């Protein structure tokens, strides 16, 4: 269900993490969950911290901006980035950073590989340095992504 691995041969191995999840849905459905604000609001982010603002221009060169709201009703810092590559039903590459000055920029590569009606979604997140990766791990980013993927699992059942 939850798998995190390293890619030892990659030059970024000391500053990346990889999360893989298999969904019982075709790639077009899992991919679609990334393309519309109403879908993002239902799954992106950890349980209890929903995305309440999802501004998206889903195209190469387009930008996105998300805001999550905590259980206390307070908004967290906005974050967003730019879509660098989009291959429908196969791949999304984007930048991501908090809007605060000096925030590190991460590169997300998300792939969608379908086989026998199931889709393996792989997130590869590359950080600017190993120290930045460490700080995001300590913040709970891996657990937060996996919590969001649990919600995505529920969403793909109803998108059909």
N, C-alpha and C. Protein backbone atom coordinates (compact mmCIF):
# COMPACT_ATOMS: atom_id res chain seq x y z
N UNK A 1 0.83 -1.19 0.00
CA UNK A 1 0.00 0.00 0.00
C UNK A 1 0.87 1.25 0.00
N UNK A 2 1.70 1.45 1.01
CA UNK A 2 2.58 2.61 1.08
C UNK A 2 3.99 2.10 0.88
N UNK A 3 4.68 2.67 -0.10
CA UNK A 3 6.05 2.26 -0.32
C UNK A 3 6.88 3.51 -0.54
N UNK A 4 7.96 3.60 0.19
CA UNK A 4 8.89 4.69 -0.03
C UNK A 4 10.23 4.06 -0.32
N UNK A 5 10.89 4.55 -1.34
CA UNK A 5 12.16 3.95 -1.71
C UNK A 5 13.12 5.03 -2.18
N UNK A 6 14.35 4.68 -2.28
CA UNK A 6 15.39 5.55 -2.81
C UNK A 6 15.79 5.02 -4.19
N UNK A 7 16.32 5.89 -5.00
CA UNK A 7 16.88 5.51 -6.28
C UNK A 7 18.38 5.74 -6.19
N UNK A 8 19.13 4.75 -5.69
CA UNK A 8 20.54 4.97 -5.40
C UNK A 8 21.38 5.45 -6.57
N UNK A 9 21.01 5.09 -7.79
CA UNK A 9 21.83 5.47 -8.93
C UNK A 9 21.59 6.91 -9.37
N UNK A 10 20.51 7.52 -8.92
CA UNK A 10 20.20 8.89 -9.34
C UNK A 10 21.10 9.89 -8.63
N UNK A 11 21.58 10.92 -9.34
CA UNK A 11 22.44 11.91 -8.70
C UNK A 11 21.75 12.65 -7.55
N UNK A 12 20.42 12.67 -7.55
CA UNK A 12 19.67 13.38 -6.52
C UNK A 12 19.31 12.49 -5.34
N UNK A 13 19.80 11.26 -5.28
CA UNK A 13 19.35 10.28 -4.29
C UNK A 13 19.42 10.79 -2.86
N UNK A 14 20.38 11.64 -2.53
CA UNK A 14 20.50 12.13 -1.15
C UNK A 14 19.54 13.26 -0.84
N UNK A 15 18.80 13.71 -1.85
CA UNK A 15 17.87 14.83 -1.63
C UNK A 15 16.49 14.58 -2.25
N UNK A 16 16.09 13.33 -2.29
CA UNK A 16 14.79 12.99 -2.85
C UNK A 16 14.11 11.90 -2.02
N UNK A 17 12.78 11.85 -2.18
CA UNK A 17 12.07 10.66 -1.74
C UNK A 17 11.11 10.25 -2.83
N UNK A 18 10.75 8.97 -2.79
CA UNK A 18 9.85 8.40 -3.78
C UNK A 18 8.75 7.66 -3.03
N UNK A 19 7.51 7.94 -3.41
CA UNK A 19 6.35 7.26 -2.82
C UNK A 19 5.56 6.64 -3.97
N UNK A 20 5.19 5.38 -3.80
CA UNK A 20 4.43 4.66 -4.82
C UNK A 20 3.15 4.14 -4.19
N UNK A 21 2.06 4.28 -4.94
CA UNK A 21 0.77 3.78 -4.48
C UNK A 21 0.04 3.19 -5.68
N UNK A 22 -0.62 2.06 -5.48
CA UNK A 22 -1.41 1.42 -6.53
C UNK A 22 -2.89 1.70 -6.26
N UNK A 23 -3.58 2.18 -7.30
CA UNK A 23 -5.01 2.49 -7.21
C UNK A 23 -5.78 1.52 -8.10
N UNK A 24 -6.93 1.11 -7.63
CA UNK A 24 -7.80 0.22 -8.40
C UNK A 24 -8.68 1.09 -9.32
N UNK A 25 -8.00 1.74 -10.26
CA UNK A 25 -8.68 2.63 -11.20
C UNK A 25 -7.77 2.85 -12.40
N UNK A 26 -8.36 3.13 -13.55
CA UNK A 26 -7.53 3.40 -14.73
C UNK A 26 -6.73 4.71 -14.56
N UNK A 27 -5.65 4.81 -15.30
CA UNK A 27 -4.77 5.99 -15.20
C UNK A 27 -5.52 7.29 -15.50
N UNK A 28 -6.45 7.26 -16.44
CA UNK A 28 -7.15 8.50 -16.79
C UNK A 28 -7.92 9.06 -15.59
N UNK A 29 -8.44 8.18 -14.72
CA UNK A 29 -9.18 8.62 -13.54
C UNK A 29 -8.23 9.18 -12.48
N UNK A 30 -7.14 8.48 -12.23
CA UNK A 30 -6.18 8.94 -11.23
C UNK A 30 -5.55 10.26 -11.69
N UNK A 31 -5.24 10.35 -12.97
CA UNK A 31 -4.69 11.58 -13.54
C UNK A 31 -5.70 12.73 -13.40
N UNK A 32 -6.96 12.46 -13.71
CA UNK A 32 -8.00 13.49 -13.64
C UNK A 32 -8.07 14.13 -12.25
N UNK A 33 -7.81 13.34 -11.22
CA UNK A 33 -7.86 13.87 -9.86
C UNK A 33 -6.86 15.00 -9.64
N UNK A 34 -5.85 15.10 -10.49
CA UNK A 34 -4.84 16.15 -10.41
C UNK A 34 -5.22 17.40 -11.23
N UNK A 35 -6.25 17.32 -12.04
CA UNK A 35 -6.48 18.34 -13.05
C UNK A 35 -7.54 19.38 -12.71
N UNK A 36 -8.33 19.15 -11.68
CA UNK A 36 -9.45 20.04 -11.38
C UNK A 36 -9.44 20.45 -9.92
N UNK A 37 -9.67 21.75 -9.66
CA UNK A 37 -9.68 22.23 -8.27
C UNK A 37 -10.65 21.46 -7.36
N UNK A 38 -11.82 21.12 -7.88
CA UNK A 38 -12.80 20.42 -7.04
C UNK A 38 -12.29 19.04 -6.61
N UNK A 39 -11.47 18.42 -7.43
CA UNK A 39 -10.87 17.14 -7.04
C UNK A 39 -9.73 17.36 -6.03
N UNK A 40 -8.85 18.31 -6.32
CA UNK A 40 -7.72 18.61 -5.43
C UNK A 40 -8.23 18.87 -4.01
N UNK A 41 -9.30 19.62 -3.90
CA UNK A 41 -9.85 19.96 -2.58
C UNK A 41 -10.33 18.73 -1.81
N UNK A 42 -10.59 17.64 -2.50
CA UNK A 42 -11.10 16.44 -1.84
C UNK A 42 -10.02 15.47 -1.40
N UNK A 43 -8.78 15.65 -1.91
CA UNK A 43 -7.78 14.64 -1.55
C UNK A 43 -6.40 15.18 -1.22
N UNK A 44 -6.01 16.31 -1.77
CA UNK A 44 -4.62 16.75 -1.63
C UNK A 44 -4.38 17.26 -0.21
N UNK A 45 -3.39 16.73 0.43
CA UNK A 45 -3.05 17.13 1.78
C UNK A 45 -3.52 16.13 2.81
N UNK A 46 -2.97 16.26 4.01
CA UNK A 46 -3.30 15.30 5.06
C UNK A 46 -4.74 15.45 5.55
N UNK A 47 -5.29 14.36 6.06
CA UNK A 47 -6.62 14.38 6.66
C UNK A 47 -6.63 15.46 7.75
N UNK A 48 -7.67 16.28 7.76
CA UNK A 48 -7.79 17.34 8.75
C UNK A 48 -7.19 18.67 8.31
N UNK A 49 -6.52 18.69 7.16
CA UNK A 49 -5.92 19.91 6.63
C UNK A 49 -6.31 20.05 5.16
N UNK A 50 -7.59 20.26 4.90
CA UNK A 50 -8.04 20.29 3.51
C UNK A 50 -7.52 21.51 2.75
N UNK A 51 -7.38 21.32 1.45
CA UNK A 51 -7.09 22.45 0.55
C UNK A 51 -8.40 23.22 0.42
N UNK A 52 -8.41 24.46 0.87
CA UNK A 52 -9.61 25.28 0.80
C UNK A 52 -9.54 26.30 -0.33
N UNK A 53 -8.33 26.55 -0.83
CA UNK A 53 -8.14 27.38 -2.01
C UNK A 53 -7.30 26.57 -2.99
N UNK A 54 -7.83 26.40 -4.19
CA UNK A 54 -7.10 25.68 -5.23
C UNK A 54 -7.26 26.45 -6.54
N UNK A 55 -6.32 27.34 -6.79
CA UNK A 55 -6.30 28.09 -8.04
C UNK A 55 -5.35 27.36 -8.97
N UNK A 56 -5.85 26.97 -10.14
CA UNK A 56 -5.06 26.14 -11.04
C UNK A 56 -5.22 26.58 -12.49
N UNK A 57 -4.10 26.64 -13.19
CA UNK A 57 -4.07 26.80 -14.63
C UNK A 57 -3.33 25.57 -15.15
N UNK A 58 -4.04 24.47 -15.27
CA UNK A 58 -3.44 23.17 -15.55
C UNK A 58 -3.03 23.06 -17.01
N UNK A 59 -1.84 23.55 -17.28
CA UNK A 59 -1.22 23.46 -18.60
C UNK A 59 0.27 23.71 -18.41
N UNK A 60 1.09 23.27 -19.35
CA UNK A 60 2.52 23.53 -19.25
C UNK A 60 2.74 25.04 -19.21
N UNK A 61 3.48 25.50 -18.22
CA UNK A 61 3.69 26.93 -18.02
C UNK A 61 2.64 27.56 -17.12
N UNK A 62 1.55 26.84 -16.87
CA UNK A 62 0.50 27.35 -15.99
C UNK A 62 0.94 27.26 -14.54
N UNK A 63 0.29 28.05 -13.71
CA UNK A 63 0.64 28.09 -12.29
C UNK A 63 -0.50 27.53 -11.45
N UNK A 64 -0.14 27.12 -10.24
CA UNK A 64 -1.14 26.71 -9.27
C UNK A 64 -0.80 27.35 -7.93
N UNK A 65 -1.84 27.51 -7.11
CA UNK A 65 -1.69 28.06 -5.76
C UNK A 65 -2.72 27.39 -4.87
N UNK A 66 -2.25 26.77 -3.79
CA UNK A 66 -3.13 26.08 -2.85
C UNK A 66 -2.95 26.68 -1.46
N UNK A 67 -4.04 26.65 -0.70
CA UNK A 67 -4.01 27.01 0.72
C UNK A 67 -4.75 25.91 1.46
N UNK A 68 -4.12 25.41 2.52
CA UNK A 68 -4.76 24.41 3.38
C UNK A 68 -5.25 25.10 4.65
N UNK A 69 -6.32 24.56 5.21
CA UNK A 69 -6.86 25.08 6.46
C UNK A 69 -6.78 23.97 7.51
N UNK A 70 -6.26 24.32 8.67
CA UNK A 70 -6.09 23.34 9.74
C UNK A 70 -7.37 23.08 10.50
N UNK A 71 -7.34 22.11 11.39
CA UNK A 71 -8.52 21.77 12.18
C UNK A 71 -8.99 22.94 13.05
N UNK A 72 -8.08 23.88 13.35
CA UNK A 72 -8.44 25.05 14.15
C UNK A 72 -9.09 26.15 13.32
N UNK A 73 -9.24 25.91 12.00
CA UNK A 73 -9.85 26.89 11.11
C UNK A 73 -8.89 27.92 10.57
N UNK A 74 -7.63 27.86 10.97
CA UNK A 74 -6.64 28.83 10.49
C UNK A 74 -6.00 28.33 9.21
N UNK A 75 -5.82 29.28 8.28
CA UNK A 75 -5.16 28.95 7.02
C UNK A 75 -3.66 28.83 7.23
N UNK A 76 -3.08 27.85 6.55
CA UNK A 76 -1.63 27.71 6.54
C UNK A 76 -1.03 28.61 5.48
N UNK A 77 0.28 28.63 5.40
CA UNK A 77 0.90 29.48 4.38
C UNK A 77 0.59 28.96 2.98
N UNK A 78 0.28 29.87 2.05
CA UNK A 78 0.01 29.44 0.68
C UNK A 78 1.26 28.83 0.05
N UNK A 79 1.03 27.90 -0.86
CA UNK A 79 2.13 27.31 -1.61
C UNK A 79 1.67 27.08 -3.03
N UNK A 80 2.62 26.92 -3.92
CA UNK A 80 2.26 26.69 -5.31
C UNK A 80 3.49 26.58 -6.18
N UNK A 81 3.24 26.62 -7.46
CA UNK A 81 4.34 26.49 -8.39
C UNK A 81 3.86 26.54 -9.81
N UNK A 82 4.63 25.88 -10.67
CA UNK A 82 4.38 25.91 -12.10
C UNK A 82 4.40 24.49 -12.65
N UNK A 83 3.52 24.23 -13.60
CA UNK A 83 3.50 22.95 -14.29
C UNK A 83 4.57 22.98 -15.39
N UNK A 84 5.55 22.08 -15.30
CA UNK A 84 6.66 22.05 -16.24
C UNK A 84 6.44 21.07 -17.39
N UNK A 85 5.74 19.98 -17.11
CA UNK A 85 5.49 18.96 -18.13
C UNK A 85 4.18 18.26 -17.78
N UNK A 86 3.36 18.05 -18.79
CA UNK A 86 2.11 17.31 -18.62
C UNK A 86 1.96 16.36 -19.80
N UNK A 87 1.88 15.08 -19.50
CA UNK A 87 1.60 14.06 -20.51
C UNK A 87 0.31 13.40 -20.04
N UNK A 88 -0.81 13.70 -20.70
CA UNK A 88 -2.10 13.21 -20.22
C UNK A 88 -2.08 11.71 -19.88
N UNK A 89 -2.61 11.43 -18.69
CA UNK A 89 -2.75 10.07 -18.17
C UNK A 89 -1.42 9.36 -17.90
N UNK A 90 -0.28 10.08 -18.01
CA UNK A 90 1.02 9.43 -17.85
C UNK A 90 1.96 10.14 -16.88
N UNK A 91 2.00 11.51 -16.92
CA UNK A 91 3.05 12.18 -16.16
C UNK A 91 2.71 13.66 -15.93
N UNK A 92 3.09 14.14 -14.72
CA UNK A 92 3.02 15.56 -14.38
C UNK A 92 4.33 15.92 -13.68
N UNK A 93 4.96 16.99 -14.16
CA UNK A 93 6.15 17.52 -13.49
C UNK A 93 5.82 18.96 -13.11
N UNK A 94 6.11 19.32 -11.84
CA UNK A 94 5.80 20.66 -11.37
C UNK A 94 6.80 21.11 -10.33
N UNK A 95 6.89 22.42 -10.18
CA UNK A 95 7.65 22.99 -9.07
C UNK A 95 6.67 23.23 -7.93
N UNK A 96 7.20 23.32 -6.70
CA UNK A 96 6.35 23.57 -5.55
C UNK A 96 7.18 24.25 -4.46
N UNK A 97 6.60 25.29 -3.88
CA UNK A 97 7.27 26.00 -2.77
C UNK A 97 6.23 26.82 -2.02
N UNK A 98 6.52 27.07 -0.74
CA UNK A 98 5.70 28.01 0.01
C UNK A 98 5.93 29.41 -0.57
N UNK A 99 4.96 30.30 -0.41
CA UNK A 99 5.09 31.65 -0.94
C UNK A 99 5.97 32.54 -0.08
N UNK A 100 6.40 32.04 1.08
CA UNK A 100 7.25 32.83 1.96
C UNK A 100 8.61 33.07 1.30
N UNK A 101 9.17 34.27 1.45
CA UNK A 101 10.47 34.57 0.84
C UNK A 101 11.54 33.57 1.28
N UNK A 102 12.35 33.13 0.32
CA UNK A 102 13.43 32.21 0.61
C UNK A 102 13.03 30.75 0.74
N UNK A 103 11.75 30.44 0.52
CA UNK A 103 11.31 29.05 0.63
C UNK A 103 11.98 28.19 -0.44
N UNK A 104 12.41 27.00 -0.08
CA UNK A 104 13.04 26.12 -1.07
C UNK A 104 12.03 25.61 -2.09
N UNK A 105 12.50 25.44 -3.31
CA UNK A 105 11.66 24.95 -4.39
C UNK A 105 11.95 23.46 -4.60
N UNK A 106 10.88 22.69 -4.61
CA UNK A 106 10.97 21.25 -4.86
C UNK A 106 10.49 20.99 -6.28
N UNK A 107 10.95 19.88 -6.85
CA UNK A 107 10.46 19.42 -8.15
C UNK A 107 9.74 18.09 -7.92
N UNK A 108 8.46 18.08 -8.27
CA UNK A 108 7.64 16.87 -8.17
C UNK A 108 7.52 16.25 -9.56
N UNK A 109 7.77 14.97 -9.67
CA UNK A 109 7.48 14.22 -10.88
C UNK A 109 6.53 13.11 -10.47
N UNK A 110 5.34 13.14 -11.02
CA UNK A 110 4.31 12.16 -10.69
C UNK A 110 4.00 11.38 -11.97
N UNK A 111 4.14 10.05 -11.89
CA UNK A 111 3.85 9.23 -13.05
C UNK A 111 2.67 8.31 -12.76
N UNK A 112 2.00 7.92 -13.82
CA UNK A 112 0.81 7.10 -13.76
C UNK A 112 1.01 5.93 -14.72
N UNK A 113 1.20 4.74 -14.19
CA UNK A 113 1.43 3.56 -15.02
C UNK A 113 0.28 2.58 -14.82
N UNK A 114 -0.47 2.35 -15.90
CA UNK A 114 -1.65 1.49 -15.82
C UNK A 114 -1.33 0.09 -16.32
N UNK A 115 -1.84 -0.89 -15.58
CA UNK A 115 -1.74 -2.29 -15.99
C UNK A 115 -2.96 -3.02 -15.44
N UNK A 116 -3.66 -3.69 -16.32
CA UNK A 116 -4.83 -4.48 -15.93
C UNK A 116 -5.86 -3.66 -15.17
N UNK A 117 -6.07 -2.41 -15.59
CA UNK A 117 -7.09 -1.56 -14.98
C UNK A 117 -6.69 -0.93 -13.66
N UNK A 118 -5.46 -1.20 -13.19
CA UNK A 118 -4.94 -0.58 -11.97
C UNK A 118 -3.83 0.39 -12.34
N UNK A 119 -3.69 1.42 -11.53
CA UNK A 119 -2.68 2.44 -11.82
C UNK A 119 -1.69 2.55 -10.67
N UNK A 120 -0.43 2.46 -11.02
CA UNK A 120 0.64 2.72 -10.07
C UNK A 120 1.02 4.18 -10.24
N UNK A 121 0.82 4.94 -9.17
CA UNK A 121 1.18 6.35 -9.17
C UNK A 121 2.47 6.48 -8.35
N UNK A 122 3.48 7.08 -8.95
CA UNK A 122 4.76 7.26 -8.28
C UNK A 122 5.08 8.74 -8.18
N UNK A 123 5.37 9.18 -6.95
CA UNK A 123 5.79 10.55 -6.70
C UNK A 123 7.29 10.54 -6.47
N UNK A 124 8.02 11.31 -7.21
CA UNK A 124 9.45 11.52 -6.97
C UNK A 124 9.59 13.00 -6.66
N UNK A 125 10.02 13.31 -5.45
CA UNK A 125 10.16 14.70 -5.02
C UNK A 125 11.63 14.96 -4.79
N UNK A 126 12.18 15.94 -5.52
CA UNK A 126 13.59 16.31 -5.40
C UNK A 126 13.67 17.68 -4.72
N UNK A 127 14.48 17.73 -3.67
CA UNK A 127 14.68 18.95 -2.88
C UNK A 127 16.00 19.59 -3.27
N UNK A 128 16.17 20.89 -3.00
CA UNK A 128 17.42 21.54 -3.39
C UNK A 128 18.65 21.01 -2.66
N UNK A 129 18.47 20.54 -1.41
CA UNK A 129 19.59 19.99 -0.64
C UNK A 129 19.09 18.86 0.24
N UNK A 130 20.03 18.05 0.72
CA UNK A 130 19.68 16.98 1.65
C UNK A 130 19.14 17.54 2.96
N UNK A 131 19.64 18.69 3.39
CA UNK A 131 19.14 19.30 4.62
C UNK A 131 17.69 19.75 4.49
N UNK A 132 17.33 20.28 3.33
CA UNK A 132 15.94 20.68 3.11
C UNK A 132 15.05 19.45 3.13
N UNK A 133 15.48 18.38 2.48
CA UNK A 133 14.72 17.12 2.53
C UNK A 133 14.53 16.69 3.97
N UNK A 134 15.57 16.72 4.76
CA UNK A 134 15.49 16.31 6.16
C UNK A 134 14.46 17.16 6.92
N UNK A 135 14.47 18.47 6.69
CA UNK A 135 13.53 19.34 7.42
C UNK A 135 12.08 19.05 7.01
N UNK A 136 11.84 18.77 5.74
CA UNK A 136 10.47 18.45 5.30
C UNK A 136 10.03 17.08 5.82
N UNK A 137 10.96 16.13 5.90
CA UNK A 137 10.63 14.84 6.51
C UNK A 137 10.23 15.04 7.96
N UNK A 138 11.00 15.87 8.68
CA UNK A 138 10.71 16.12 10.09
C UNK A 138 9.37 16.83 10.28
N UNK A 139 8.95 17.62 9.29
CA UNK A 139 7.64 18.28 9.33
C UNK A 139 6.50 17.30 9.09
N UNK A 140 6.83 16.10 8.59
CA UNK A 140 5.80 15.10 8.33
C UNK A 140 5.29 15.07 6.90
N UNK A 141 6.09 15.56 5.97
CA UNK A 141 5.64 15.63 4.58
C UNK A 141 5.30 14.25 4.01
N UNK A 142 6.12 13.25 4.27
CA UNK A 142 5.85 11.92 3.72
C UNK A 142 4.54 11.38 4.26
N UNK A 143 4.32 11.52 5.56
CA UNK A 143 3.07 11.07 6.17
C UNK A 143 1.88 11.86 5.62
N UNK A 144 2.08 13.17 5.41
CA UNK A 144 1.01 14.00 4.85
C UNK A 144 0.63 13.58 3.44
N UNK A 145 1.63 13.29 2.62
CA UNK A 145 1.34 12.83 1.26
C UNK A 145 0.59 11.50 1.31
N UNK A 146 1.05 10.59 2.14
CA UNK A 146 0.37 9.30 2.24
C UNK A 146 -1.06 9.44 2.75
N UNK A 147 -1.30 10.37 3.66
CA UNK A 147 -2.65 10.63 4.14
C UNK A 147 -3.52 11.14 2.99
N UNK A 148 -2.96 12.03 2.18
CA UNK A 148 -3.68 12.52 1.00
C UNK A 148 -3.97 11.40 0.02
N UNK A 149 -3.01 10.50 -0.16
CA UNK A 149 -3.22 9.38 -1.08
C UNK A 149 -4.32 8.44 -0.58
N UNK A 150 -4.46 8.33 0.74
CA UNK A 150 -5.59 7.56 1.28
C UNK A 150 -6.91 8.18 0.82
N UNK A 151 -6.98 9.52 0.85
CA UNK A 151 -8.19 10.21 0.42
C UNK A 151 -8.38 10.10 -1.09
N UNK A 152 -7.27 10.13 -1.84
CA UNK A 152 -7.34 9.96 -3.29
C UNK A 152 -7.91 8.58 -3.63
N UNK A 153 -7.54 7.58 -2.86
CA UNK A 153 -8.07 6.24 -3.07
C UNK A 153 -9.59 6.25 -3.00
N UNK A 154 -10.15 6.99 -2.05
CA UNK A 154 -11.61 7.11 -1.96
C UNK A 154 -12.19 7.90 -3.12
N UNK A 155 -11.51 8.96 -3.52
CA UNK A 155 -12.01 9.82 -4.59
C UNK A 155 -12.08 9.09 -5.94
N UNK A 156 -11.05 8.31 -6.27
CA UNK A 156 -11.07 7.67 -7.60
C UNK A 156 -12.22 6.68 -7.74
N UNK A 157 -12.78 6.24 -6.65
CA UNK A 157 -13.93 5.34 -6.70
C UNK A 157 -15.19 6.07 -7.19
N UNK A 158 -15.25 7.39 -6.97
CA UNK A 158 -16.45 8.13 -7.34
C UNK A 158 -16.28 8.98 -8.59
N UNK A 159 -15.06 9.20 -9.06
CA UNK A 159 -14.87 10.01 -10.27
C UNK A 159 -15.42 9.29 -11.49
N UNK A 160 -15.27 8.01 -11.52
CA UNK A 160 -15.64 7.20 -12.68
C UNK A 160 -16.81 7.79 -13.38
